[in-house]
Amino acid sequence: NLRWSDVPTELENSFNHLIQLNNVQKIKKINVDVEICS
């Protein structure tokens, strides 16, 4: 039920969401690494 003009926005939103998830996982991994090292 999307208009064509909505598609880029939808793609951008999901892409941004993926980037945020990825960043959160990186941060979690860094925290785990720090705990292991300390």
C-alpha atoms as a PDB file:
ATOM      1  CA  ASN A   1       0.000   0.000   0.000  1.00  0.00           C
ATOM      2  CA  LEU A   2       2.982   2.258  -0.545  1.00  0.00           C
ATOM      3  CA  ARG A   3       3.147   5.011  -3.055  1.00  0.00           C
ATOM      4  CA  TRP A   4       6.276   4.999  -5.123  1.00  0.00           C
ATOM      5  CA  SER A   5       7.457   8.186  -3.440  1.00  0.00           C
ATOM      6  CA  ASP A   6       7.306   6.391  -0.088  1.00  0.00           C
ATOM      7  CA  VAL A   7       9.648   3.630  -1.134  1.00  0.00           C
ATOM      8  CA  PRO A   8      12.969   5.487  -0.769  1.00  0.00           C
ATOM      9  CA  THR A   9      11.942   6.652   2.679  1.00  0.00           C
ATOM     10  CA  GLU A  10      11.011   3.129   3.699  1.00  0.00           C
ATOM     11  CA  LEU A  11      14.332   1.862   2.422  1.00  0.00           C
ATOM     12  CA  GLU A  12      16.221   4.586   4.213  1.00  0.00           C
ATOM     13  CA  ASN A  13      14.378   3.872   7.435  1.00  0.00           C
ATOM     14  CA  SER A  14      15.107   0.168   7.357  1.00  0.00           C
ATOM     15  CA  PHE A  15      18.685   0.859   6.347  1.00  0.00           C
ATOM     16  CA  ASN A  16      19.150   3.289   9.215  1.00  0.00           C
ATOM     17  CA  HIS A  17      17.578   0.759  11.536  1.00  0.00           C
ATOM     18  CA  LEU A  18      20.077  -1.870  10.407  1.00  0.00           C
ATOM     19  CA  ILE A  19      22.963   0.535  10.938  1.00  0.00           C
ATOM     20  CA  GLN A  20      21.750   1.310  14.452  1.00  0.00           C
ATOM     21  CA  LEU A  21      21.418  -2.381  15.264  1.00  0.00           C
ATOM     22  CA  ASN A  22      24.869  -3.004  13.906  1.00  0.00           C
ATOM     23  CA  ASN A  23      26.321  -0.184  15.991  1.00  0.00           C
ATOM     24  CA  VAL A  24      24.620  -1.462  19.128  1.00  0.00           C
ATOM     25  CA  GLN A  25      26.093  -4.904  18.554  1.00  0.00           C
ATOM     26  CA  LYS A  26      29.541  -3.428  17.985  1.00  0.00           C
ATOM     27  CA  ILE A  27      29.264  -1.482  21.223  1.00  0.00           C
ATOM     28  CA  LYS A  28      28.159  -4.616  23.071  1.00  0.00           C
ATOM     29  CA  LYS A  29      31.047  -6.545  21.606  1.00  0.00           C
ATOM     30  CA  ILE A  30      33.508  -3.832  22.636  1.00  0.00           C
ATOM     31  CA  ASN A  31      32.110  -3.929  26.165  1.00  0.00           C
ATOM     32  CA  VAL A  32      32.502  -7.687  26.297  1.00  0.00           C
ATOM     33  CA  ASP A  33      36.060  -7.428  24.985  1.00  0.00           C
ATOM     34  CA  VAL A  34      36.890  -4.858  27.636  1.00  0.00           C
ATOM     35  CA  GLU A  35      35.451  -7.066  30.383  1.00  0.00           C
ATOM     36  CA  ILE A  36      37.442 -10.050  29.159  1.00  0.00           C
ATOM     37  CA  CYS A  37      40.663  -8.041  28.995  1.00  0.00           C
ATOM     38  CA  SER A  38      40.318  -6.439  32.385  1.00  0.00           C
END
